[in-house]
Amino acid sequence: MISGRTAKQGIGLEIGKLSKSYAESVNHVQLSTDDVKELALEKTHNLRISTEHGSVTVNWIIDKGLSAGMVFFPYGPWANQVFSSNTDSTGMPIMKGIPATIIPTDDKVQELNEIIEKIRSGA
């Protein structure tokens, strides 16, 4: 799994991080067509992403430019649930090449306020 910024994310930031536009630009992962077939994903499924650092439920979209086995997760509060905050003294967390488990789920995608509350409570 890798992370980075997207053009839509930049547009969402102009409106504000509490906007629906921003949330929609970062509360998903991008998968290859092959991985969508491999996971037998239906439009109604969400995905549960888990790493050694945490887990989160997100939406998904197809990115025809991705290779099978590669998952792209836009920077943001949802991605922060599964990436380490450790920077190894570089000032930037490692957000590339992170092993992740992905499973289809009917769980709902958390709203930003739910993620914030989870962080506040230390859960």
C-alpha atoms as a PDB file:
ATOM      1  CA  MET A   1       0.000   0.000   0.000  1.00  0.00           C
ATOM      2  CA  ILE A   2       1.201   3.496  -0.814  1.00  0.00           C
ATOM      3  CA  SER A   3      -0.143   6.938  -0.033  1.00  0.00           C
ATOM      4  CA  GLY A   4       0.086  10.372  -1.593  1.00  0.00           C
ATOM      5  CA  ARG A   5      -1.870  13.463  -2.548  1.00  0.00           C
ATOM      6  CA  THR A   6      -4.483  13.664  -5.306  1.00  0.00           C
ATOM      7  CA  ALA A   7      -5.804  16.556  -7.401  1.00  0.00           C
ATOM      8  CA  LYS A   8      -9.324  16.079  -5.982  1.00  0.00           C
ATOM      9  CA  GLN A   9      -7.887  16.227  -2.490  1.00  0.00           C
ATOM     10  CA  GLY A  10      -6.412  19.645  -3.263  1.00  0.00           C
ATOM     11  CA  ILE A  11      -9.790  20.894  -4.470  1.00  0.00           C
ATOM     12  CA  GLY A  12     -11.415  19.552  -1.301  1.00  0.00           C
ATOM     13  CA  LEU A  13      -8.856  21.358   0.830  1.00  0.00           C
ATOM     14  CA  GLU A  14      -9.863  24.652  -0.758  1.00  0.00           C
ATOM     15  CA  ILE A  15     -13.408  24.092   0.482  1.00  0.00           C
ATOM     16  CA  GLY A  16     -12.214  22.881   3.895  1.00  0.00           C
ATOM     17  CA  LYS A  17     -11.313  19.648   5.657  1.00  0.00           C
ATOM     18  CA  LEU A  18     -14.772  19.413   7.195  1.00  0.00           C
ATOM     19  CA  SER A  19     -16.452  19.489   3.778  1.00  0.00           C
ATOM     20  CA  LYS A  20     -18.118  16.504   2.122  1.00  0.00           C
ATOM     21  CA  SER A  21     -15.924  17.123  -0.930  1.00  0.00           C
ATOM     22  CA  TYR A  22     -12.723  16.714   1.086  1.00  0.00           C
ATOM     23  CA  ALA A  23     -14.000  13.568   2.864  1.00  0.00           C
ATOM     24  CA  GLU A  24     -14.941  11.976  -0.465  1.00  0.00           C
ATOM     25  CA  SER A  25     -11.485  12.762  -1.840  1.00  0.00           C
ATOM     26  CA  VAL A  26      -9.665  10.864   0.944  1.00  0.00           C
ATOM     27  CA  ASN A  27     -12.027   8.241   2.472  1.00  0.00           C
ATOM     28  CA  HIS A  28     -11.312   5.591  -0.155  1.00  0.00           C
ATOM     29  CA  VAL A  29      -8.568   3.442  -1.595  1.00  0.00           C
ATOM     30  CA  GLN A  30      -7.789   2.921  -5.239  1.00  0.00           C
ATOM     31  CA  LEU A  31      -7.415  -0.634  -6.547  1.00  0.00           C
ATOM     32  CA  SER A  32      -6.493  -2.240  -9.847  1.00  0.00           C
ATOM     33  CA  THR A  33      -9.172  -3.873 -11.966  1.00  0.00           C
ATOM     34  CA  ASP A  34      -7.487  -7.239 -11.318  1.00  0.00           C
ATOM     35  CA  ASP A  35      -7.670  -6.772  -7.537  1.00  0.00           C
ATOM     36  CA  VAL A  36     -11.346  -5.803  -7.692  1.00  0.00           C
ATOM     37  CA  LYS A  37     -12.001  -9.072  -9.561  1.00  0.00           C
ATOM     38  CA  GLU A  38      -9.770 -11.079  -7.187  1.00  0.00           C
ATOM     39  CA  LEU A  39     -11.643  -9.727  -4.155  1.00  0.00           C
ATOM     40  CA  ALA A  40     -15.010 -10.272  -5.911  1.00  0.00           C
ATOM     41  CA  LEU A  41     -16.006  -6.751  -4.928  1.00  0.00           C
ATOM     42  CA  GLU A  42     -19.534  -5.545  -5.442  1.00  0.00           C
ATOM     43  CA  LYS A  43     -20.458  -1.843  -5.606  1.00  0.00           C
ATOM     44  CA  THR A  44     -22.196  -2.217  -2.227  1.00  0.00           C
ATOM     45  CA  HIS A  45     -19.049  -3.445  -0.469  1.00  0.00           C
ATOM     46  CA  ASN A  46     -16.700  -1.272   1.503  1.00  0.00           C
ATOM     47  CA  LEU A  47     -13.187  -2.417   2.368  1.00  0.00           C
ATOM     48  CA  ARG A  48     -11.606  -3.083   5.734  1.00  0.00           C
ATOM     49  CA  ILE A  49      -7.917  -2.105   5.512  1.00  0.00           C
ATOM     50  CA  SER A  50      -5.663  -3.440   8.268  1.00  0.00           C
ATOM     51  CA  THR A  51      -1.950  -2.985   8.922  1.00  0.00           C
ATOM     52  CA  GLU A  52       0.202  -3.502  11.981  1.00  0.00           C
ATOM     53  CA  HIS A  53      -0.660   0.107  12.902  1.00  0.00           C
ATOM     54  CA  GLY A  54      -4.467  -0.098  12.845  1.00  0.00           C
ATOM     55  CA  SER A  55      -7.518  -0.624  10.689  1.00  0.00           C
ATOM     56  CA  VAL A  56     -10.251   1.409   9.039  1.00  0.00           C
ATOM     57  CA  THR A  57     -13.242   0.870   6.765  1.00  0.00           C
ATOM     58  CA  VAL A  58     -13.203   2.847   3.519  1.00  0.00           C
ATOM     59  CA  ASN A  59     -14.818   3.145   0.114  1.00  0.00           C
ATOM     60  CA  TRP A  60     -12.966   1.943  -2.976  1.00  0.00           C
ATOM     61  CA  ILE A  61     -12.595   2.940  -6.602  1.00  0.00           C
ATOM     62  CA  ILE A  62     -10.891   1.377  -9.591  1.00  0.00           C
ATOM     63  CA  ASP A  63      -7.683   2.950 -10.872  1.00  0.00           C
ATOM     64  CA  LYS A  64      -6.832   1.390 -14.232  1.00  0.00           C
ATOM     65  CA  GLY A  65      -3.259   2.677 -13.906  1.00  0.00           C
ATOM     66  CA  LEU A  66      -2.458   0.582 -10.832  1.00  0.00           C
ATOM     67  CA  SER A  67      -0.755  -2.793 -11.047  1.00  0.00           C
ATOM     68  CA  ALA A  68      -2.311  -5.812  -9.346  1.00  0.00           C
ATOM     69  CA  GLY A  69      -1.381  -5.957  -5.670  1.00  0.00           C
ATOM     70  CA  MET A  70      -0.833  -2.191  -5.375  1.00  0.00           C
ATOM     71  CA  VAL A  71      -3.263  -0.114  -3.313  1.00  0.00           C
ATOM     72  CA  PHE A  72      -3.234   3.698  -3.256  1.00  0.00           C
ATOM     73  CA  PHE A  73      -4.641   5.481  -0.174  1.00  0.00           C
ATOM     74  CA  PRO A  74      -4.845   9.316  -0.351  1.00  0.00           C
ATOM     75  CA  TYR A  75      -3.290  11.164   2.598  1.00  0.00           C
ATOM     76  CA  GLY A  76      -5.878  12.093   5.205  1.00  0.00           C
ATOM     77  CA  PRO A  77      -7.575  11.095   8.453  1.00  0.00           C
ATOM     78  CA  TRP A  78      -8.675   7.687   7.129  1.00  0.00           C
ATOM     79  CA  ALA A  79      -5.176   6.783   5.910  1.00  0.00           C
ATOM     80  CA  ASN A  80      -3.725   7.976   9.204  1.00  0.00           C
ATOM     81  CA  GLN A  81      -5.562   5.104  10.908  1.00  0.00           C
ATOM     82  CA  VAL A  82      -3.359   2.519   9.158  1.00  0.00           C
ATOM     83  CA  PHE A  83       0.012   4.229   8.749  1.00  0.00           C
ATOM     84  CA  SER A  84       2.541   4.715  11.533  1.00  0.00           C
ATOM     85  CA  SER A  85       3.213   8.216  12.819  1.00  0.00           C
ATOM     86  CA  ASN A  86       6.882   7.310  13.360  1.00  0.00           C
ATOM     87  CA  THR A  87       9.120   9.414  11.140  1.00  0.00           C
ATOM     88  CA  ASP A  88      12.475   7.743  11.884  1.00  0.00           C
ATOM     89  CA  SER A  89      13.825  11.298  12.342  1.00  0.00           C
ATOM     90  CA  THR A  90      12.972  12.314   8.762  1.00  0.00           C
ATOM     91  CA  GLY A  91       9.980  14.503   9.614  1.00  0.00           C
ATOM     92  CA  MET A  92       7.683  12.448   7.362  1.00  0.00           C
ATOM     93  CA  PRO A  93       6.101   9.084   8.227  1.00  0.00           C
ATOM     94  CA  ILE A  94       6.824   6.184   5.898  1.00  0.00           C
ATOM     95  CA  MET A  95       3.739   5.852   3.730  1.00  0.00           C
ATOM     96  CA  LYS A  96       5.033   3.741   0.868  1.00  0.00           C
ATOM     97  CA  GLY A  97       5.333  -0.030   0.623  1.00  0.00           C
ATOM     98  CA  ILE A  98       3.257  -0.795   3.724  1.00  0.00           C
ATOM     99  CA  PRO A  99       1.905  -4.379   3.900  1.00  0.00           C
ATOM    100  CA  ALA A 100      -1.877  -4.369   4.316  1.00  0.00           C
ATOM    101  CA  THR A 101      -4.746  -6.822   4.503  1.00  0.00           C
ATOM    102  CA  ILE A 102      -7.878  -5.872   2.604  1.00  0.00           C
ATOM    103  CA  ILE A 103     -11.239  -7.585   2.992  1.00  0.00           C
ATOM    104  CA  PRO A 104     -14.693  -6.703   1.678  1.00  0.00           C
ATOM    105  CA  THR A 105     -17.145  -5.668   4.383  1.00  0.00           C
ATOM    106  CA  ASP A 106     -20.645  -4.351   4.840  1.00  0.00           C
ATOM    107  CA  ASP A 107     -19.400  -2.107   7.680  1.00  0.00           C
ATOM    108  CA  LYS A 108     -19.995   1.583   7.095  1.00  0.00           C
ATOM    109  CA  VAL A 109     -17.241   4.069   6.409  1.00  0.00           C
ATOM    110  CA  GLN A 110     -16.674   6.194   9.499  1.00  0.00           C
ATOM    111  CA  GLU A 111     -17.470   9.887   9.318  1.00  0.00           C
ATOM    112  CA  LEU A 112     -14.663  12.332  10.090  1.00  0.00           C
ATOM    113  CA  ASN A 113     -16.192  13.226  13.467  1.00  0.00           C
ATOM    114  CA  GLU A 114     -16.185   9.506  14.393  1.00  0.00           C
ATOM    115  CA  ILE A 115     -12.486   9.222  13.546  1.00  0.00           C
ATOM    116  CA  ILE A 116     -11.734  12.334  15.591  1.00  0.00           C
ATOM    117  CA  GLU A 117     -13.667  10.929  18.566  1.00  0.00           C
ATOM    118  CA  LYS A 118     -11.791   7.630  18.270  1.00  0.00           C
ATOM    119  CA  ILE A 119      -8.473   9.504  18.383  1.00  0.00           C
ATOM    120  CA  ARG A 120      -9.599  11.648  21.339  1.00  0.00           C
ATOM    121  CA  SER A 121     -10.736   8.622  23.332  1.00  0.00           C
ATOM    122  CA  GLY A 122      -7.530   6.701  22.615  1.00  0.00           C
ATOM    123  CA  ALA A 123      -9.510   3.702  21.362  1.00  0.00           C
END
